[in-house]
Protein backbone atom coordinates (compact mmCIF):
# COMPACT_ATOMS: atom_id res chain seq x y z
CA MET A 1 71.76 96.34 133.73
CA PRO A 2 69.90 94.97 130.69
CA LEU A 3 71.62 94.44 127.36
CA PRO A 4 70.81 97.27 124.91
CA SER A 5 68.30 96.30 122.22
CA SER A 6 70.82 97.25 119.50
CA VAL A 7 73.21 94.54 120.73
CA GLU A 8 72.64 90.99 119.52
CA LEU A 9 73.65 88.31 122.02
CA VAL A 10 74.94 85.42 119.90
CA ASN A 11 76.50 83.39 122.69
CA PRO A 12 74.21 83.28 125.76
CA ASP A 13 77.04 81.71 127.75
CA VAL A 14 79.44 84.59 127.10
CA ARG A 15 81.71 85.36 130.04
CA ARG A 16 80.80 88.46 132.03
CA GLY A 17 83.01 90.17 134.55
CA PRO A 18 85.99 92.52 134.64
CA PHE A 19 88.28 92.69 131.61
CA ARG A 20 91.91 93.72 131.81
CA ALA A 21 92.74 94.41 128.15
CA ALA A 22 90.85 95.43 125.01
CA VAL A 23 92.03 94.94 121.43
CA PHE A 24 90.43 96.74 118.48
CA ASP A 25 90.80 96.15 114.78
CA PHE A 26 91.06 99.47 112.92
CA ASP A 27 89.45 99.62 109.47
CA GLY A 28 85.71 99.09 109.73
CA THR A 29 85.97 98.76 113.50
CA LEU A 30 87.10 102.29 114.38
CA SER A 31 87.81 104.00 111.06
CA LEU A 32 85.72 104.21 107.90
CA ILE A 33 88.37 105.99 105.84
CA ARG A 34 89.08 102.83 103.83
CA GLU A 35 85.49 101.81 103.34
CA GLY A 36 84.92 100.47 99.85
CA TRP A 37 88.27 98.66 99.74
CA PRO A 38 86.66 95.25 98.97
CA THR A 39 85.04 96.70 95.85
CA VAL A 40 88.39 98.07 94.70
CA MET A 41 90.20 94.78 95.40
CA VAL A 42 87.61 92.49 93.84
CA GLY A 43 87.35 94.76 90.81
CA LEU A 44 91.10 94.64 90.31
CA MET A 45 91.16 90.86 90.58
CA MET A 46 88.23 90.38 88.23
CA GLY A 47 89.94 92.67 85.72
CA HIS A 48 93.03 90.48 85.72
CA LEU A 49 90.95 87.31 85.36
CA ARG A 50 89.05 88.77 82.43
CA ALA A 51 92.28 89.91 80.77
CA GLN A 52 93.42 86.27 80.63
CA ASN A 53 89.95 84.92 79.70
CA LEU A 54 89.73 83.07 83.00
CA VAL A 55 86.14 84.07 83.87
CA ARG A 56 83.54 81.47 83.03
CA GLU A 57 80.48 82.93 84.77
CA ALA A 58 80.97 86.48 85.95
CA GLY A 59 78.53 86.52 88.89
CA THR A 60 79.72 83.23 90.35
CA CYS A 61 83.37 84.14 89.83
CA ALA A 62 82.99 87.54 91.49
CA ALA A 63 81.23 85.97 94.48
CA HIS A 64 84.03 83.41 94.79
CA VAL A 65 86.71 86.10 94.67
CA GLU A 66 84.89 88.25 97.21
CA ALA A 67 84.54 85.25 99.53
CA PHE A 68 88.27 84.59 99.75
CA VAL A 69 89.06 88.30 99.94
CA MET A 70 86.78 88.72 102.95
CA ALA A 71 87.92 85.46 104.55
CA LEU A 72 91.43 86.94 104.67
CA ASN A 73 90.26 90.33 105.95
CA GLY A 74 92.49 91.28 108.89
CA HIS A 75 95.63 89.62 107.55
CA PRO A 76 98.33 91.76 105.91
CA THR A 77 97.01 92.67 102.45
CA ILE A 78 99.77 90.74 100.71
CA ARG A 79 98.03 87.54 101.86
CA GLN A 80 95.02 88.33 99.70
CA MET A 81 97.32 88.93 96.75
CA GLU A 82 99.10 85.64 97.34
CA ARG A 83 95.73 83.89 97.39
CA PHE A 84 94.75 85.64 94.15
CA ALA A 85 97.97 84.53 92.45
CA GLU A 86 97.06 80.97 93.42
CA GLU A 87 93.60 81.50 91.94
CA VAL A 88 95.00 82.69 88.61
CA ALA A 89 97.29 79.66 88.42
CA ALA A 90 94.48 77.28 89.38
CA ARG A 91 92.39 78.62 86.48
CA GLY A 92 95.22 77.98 84.04
CA GLY A 93 96.49 81.54 83.85
CA THR A 94 99.87 83.13 84.44
CA PRO A 95 99.90 85.07 87.70
CA ALA A 96 101.94 88.17 88.35
CA ALA A 97 103.97 88.44 91.54
CA PRO A 98 101.73 89.07 94.57
CA ALA A 99 103.75 92.23 95.27
CA ALA A 100 102.80 93.57 91.83
CA TYR A 101 99.11 92.97 92.52
CA LEU A 102 99.52 94.64 95.91
CA SER A 103 101.16 97.71 94.38
CA GLU A 104 98.35 98.05 91.85
CA PHE A 105 95.70 97.70 94.54
CA LEU A 106 97.32 100.24 96.83
CA ASP A 107 97.66 102.76 94.01
CA ALA A 108 93.93 102.49 93.33
CA LEU A 109 92.84 102.48 96.96
CA LEU A 110 95.18 105.20 98.15
CA ALA A 111 93.91 107.60 95.52
CA VAL A 112 90.58 107.42 97.37
CA VAL A 113 92.14 107.35 100.84
CA TYR A 114 94.38 110.36 100.24
CA ALA A 115 91.40 112.36 99.01
CA ARG A 116 89.65 111.59 102.28
CA TRP A 117 92.76 112.52 104.26
CA GLY A 118 92.87 115.83 102.41
CA ALA A 119 89.22 116.55 103.12
CA ILE A 120 89.79 116.05 106.85
CA GLU A 121 93.03 118.05 106.86
CA THR A 122 91.40 121.04 105.11
CA GLY A 123 88.23 120.93 107.16
CA ALA A 124 86.08 119.97 104.18
CA ALA A 125 85.08 116.89 106.18
CA ARG A 126 84.83 116.37 109.92
CA PRO A 127 86.76 113.49 111.46
CA ASP A 128 83.57 112.00 112.88
CA GLU A 129 82.23 111.56 109.36
CA TRP A 130 84.85 108.84 108.86
CA LEU A 131 84.56 107.18 112.25
CA VAL A 132 82.38 104.23 113.17
CA PRO A 133 79.72 106.15 115.13
CA HIS A 134 80.61 106.87 118.76
CA ALA A 135 83.96 105.03 118.56
CA PRO A 136 85.86 107.64 120.67
CA ALA A 137 83.20 107.45 123.39
CA ALA A 138 83.61 103.66 123.53
CA LEU A 139 87.37 103.99 123.88
CA ARG A 140 86.97 106.57 126.64
CA ALA A 141 84.43 104.39 128.46
CA LEU A 142 86.86 101.46 128.47
CA ALA A 143 89.73 103.69 129.59
CA ALA A 144 87.56 104.99 132.41
CA ARG A 145 87.26 101.41 133.62
CA GLY A 146 91.05 101.16 133.68
CA VAL A 147 91.27 98.91 130.63
CA PRO A 148 94.41 99.33 128.47
CA LEU A 149 93.47 99.79 124.81
CA PHE A 150 95.36 98.27 121.88
CA VAL A 151 94.90 98.43 118.11
CA ALA A 152 95.84 95.53 115.84
CA SER A 153 95.43 96.18 112.12
CA GLY A 154 96.40 94.42 108.91
CA THR A 155 96.84 97.81 107.20
CA ASP A 156 100.34 99.27 106.89
CA LEU A 157 101.52 100.81 110.17
CA ALA A 158 102.37 104.22 108.71
CA HIS A 159 98.86 104.59 107.31
CA VAL A 160 97.10 103.36 110.46
CA SER A 161 99.14 105.74 112.59
CA ARG A 162 98.35 108.69 110.30
CA GLU A 163 94.66 107.90 110.19
CA ALA A 164 94.50 107.48 113.96
CA GLU A 165 95.89 111.02 114.24
CA LEU A 166 93.48 112.46 111.66
CA LEU A 167 90.50 110.89 113.39
CA GLY A 168 91.56 112.00 116.87
CA LEU A 169 92.07 108.45 118.08
CA ALA A 170 95.82 108.61 118.69
CA PRO A 171 95.56 110.18 122.19
CA LEU A 172 93.11 107.44 123.20
CA VAL A 173 95.28 104.49 122.19
CA GLY A 174 98.66 106.07 122.87
CA GLY A 175 101.47 104.23 121.12
CA ARG A 176 99.68 100.89 121.38
CA VAL A 177 99.10 100.45 117.64
CA SER A 178 100.37 97.26 116.00
CA ALA A 179 100.33 96.77 112.22
CA PRO A 180 102.66 95.44 109.52
CA LYS A 181 105.55 97.69 108.51
CA ASP A 182 105.99 97.91 104.75
CA ASN A 183 103.33 95.19 104.29
CA ASP A 184 105.33 92.66 106.27
CA ALA A 185 103.66 89.32 105.51
CA THR A 186 104.88 87.83 108.82
CA PHE A 187 102.62 90.13 110.86
CA ARG A 188 99.94 88.19 112.74
CA LYS A 189 97.19 89.42 115.03
CA ARG A 190 97.68 86.24 117.03
CA ASP A 191 101.15 87.48 117.97
CA VAL A 192 99.80 90.91 118.89
CA ILE A 193 97.21 89.38 121.21
CA ALA A 194 99.84 87.16 122.83
CA ARG A 195 102.00 90.24 123.46
CA VAL A 196 99.04 92.17 124.90
CA LEU A 197 98.34 89.36 127.35
CA ARG A 198 102.01 89.20 128.36
CA GLU A 199 102.31 92.95 128.83
CA THR A 200 99.12 93.33 130.83
CA GLY A 201 99.42 90.06 132.73
CA ALA A 202 95.80 89.36 131.86
CA PRO A 203 94.56 85.82 131.30
CA GLY A 204 92.92 85.20 127.93
CA ALA A 205 89.49 85.09 129.56
CA GLU A 206 89.88 88.74 130.54
CA LEU A 207 90.54 89.93 126.98
CA LEU A 208 87.81 91.90 125.22
CA GLY A 209 88.08 92.17 121.44
CA PHE A 210 86.27 94.35 118.89
CA GLY A 211 86.48 93.71 115.16
CA ASP A 212 84.57 93.62 111.90
CA GLY A 213 86.60 90.79 110.35
CA VAL A 214 87.22 87.09 110.62
CA VAL A 215 90.85 87.10 111.76
CA GLU A 216 90.62 89.27 114.86
CA THR A 217 87.39 87.55 115.91
CA GLN A 218 88.92 84.09 115.63
CA GLU A 219 92.12 85.10 117.38
CA VAL A 220 90.33 86.69 120.33
CA LYS A 221 88.29 83.51 120.71
CA ARG A 222 91.41 81.36 120.33
CA ALA A 223 92.94 83.25 123.25
CA GLY A 224 89.85 82.58 125.35
CA GLY A 225 88.49 86.12 125.22
CA VAL A 226 85.14 87.71 124.45
CA ALA A 227 84.67 88.86 120.84
CA VAL A 228 82.34 91.73 119.98
CA GLY A 229 81.61 91.71 116.25
CA VAL A 230 81.25 95.22 114.82
CA ALA A 231 78.92 94.81 111.83
CA SER A 232 79.41 98.41 110.71
CA ASN A 233 77.82 99.94 107.63
CA PRO A 234 79.34 102.58 105.32
CA ALA A 235 79.54 106.19 106.51
CA GLY A 236 76.11 107.72 106.92
CA VAL A 237 74.30 104.36 106.83
CA GLY A 238 72.97 103.09 110.14
CA GLY A 239 72.09 99.62 111.32
CA VAL A 240 73.73 96.24 111.06
CA HIS A 241 75.55 95.19 107.88
CA ALA A 242 73.94 91.81 107.14
CA GLY A 243 76.96 90.36 105.34
CA LYS A 244 79.36 91.30 108.11
CA ARG A 245 76.95 89.98 110.72
CA ALA A 246 76.82 86.54 109.11
CA THR A 247 80.59 86.41 108.68
CA LEU A 248 81.27 87.50 112.25
CA ILE A 249 78.85 84.99 113.73
CA ALA A 250 80.46 82.22 111.67
CA ALA A 251 83.87 83.35 112.99
CA GLY A 252 82.69 82.98 116.59
CA ALA A 253 81.59 86.46 117.69
CA ASP A 254 79.84 86.44 121.07
CA LEU A 255 77.92 89.66 120.47
CA ILE A 256 77.10 91.81 117.43
CA VAL A 257 76.83 95.61 117.40
CA PRO A 258 76.24 97.98 114.48
CA ASP A 259 78.36 100.72 116.08
CA TYR A 260 79.16 102.10 119.54
CA GLU A 261 76.08 104.18 120.26
CA HIS A 262 75.24 102.03 123.29
CA ALA A 263 78.79 101.09 124.24
CA ALA A 264 78.46 102.34 127.82
CA GLU A 265 75.40 100.15 128.39
CA LEU A 266 77.10 97.18 126.72
CA LEU A 267 80.12 97.55 128.98
CA ALA A 268 77.92 97.87 132.05
CA TRP A 269 76.21 94.61 131.05
CA LEU A 270 79.52 92.86 130.42
CA TRP A 271 80.89 94.01 133.76
CA GLY A 272 77.69 92.97 135.50
CA ASP A 273 76.97 96.43 136.90
CA ALA A 274 73.79 96.65 138.93
């Protein structure tokens, strides 16, 4: 079975063979409901820097802020706010408490998110409009191979659970959703992966991970698994997101996909089907 042309093979030595567990990130990997969050977060941070006259060159500063925001993508959101507080102090400003920054960010983001929830709930929008294309089919294809599916997200558990229901993903992943409760800063995807391996009895080499961020990619590789980088674009935009692609490759992704249109063929290639 040849590798689909839409799949980029980054690591030609990637392990192929049966996998006994699959872990998915949520936002940007399965769901697009929170797309645009980096713009909201970086905008908030730049606003605070400007308010204290801590911006020397706007373009360079914004790029620097975006870089550390995206480097922490996949951690609980409070981590990004802690890093921003450090940035304010390093520039000679007076930072607010990270929890205060987090509250402000969530207020801004959730205004957008709740509007999207409402559109799905009322039928004004279809669930598939806010899914990474063909995500449910990919989950079903893995389940058909007998692979237990797990979700590990840095977004608050209550929100991930609600969005999984709205998007019709909850029946596919069962209760196997792990995320921080009340923005618990101790939550780590590394711990989730360790628990998945214990529960399934799978060795790290038989773990298959899907994610659009640095953290889940690095942690799957740390465990010895195969990391599929999902370089997804915003809703309605096809193809590979160039920025995500570069970040995912740097994080150690073995393969890059834009979405799950050819997931069945990818899985057949990974399993070595004839």
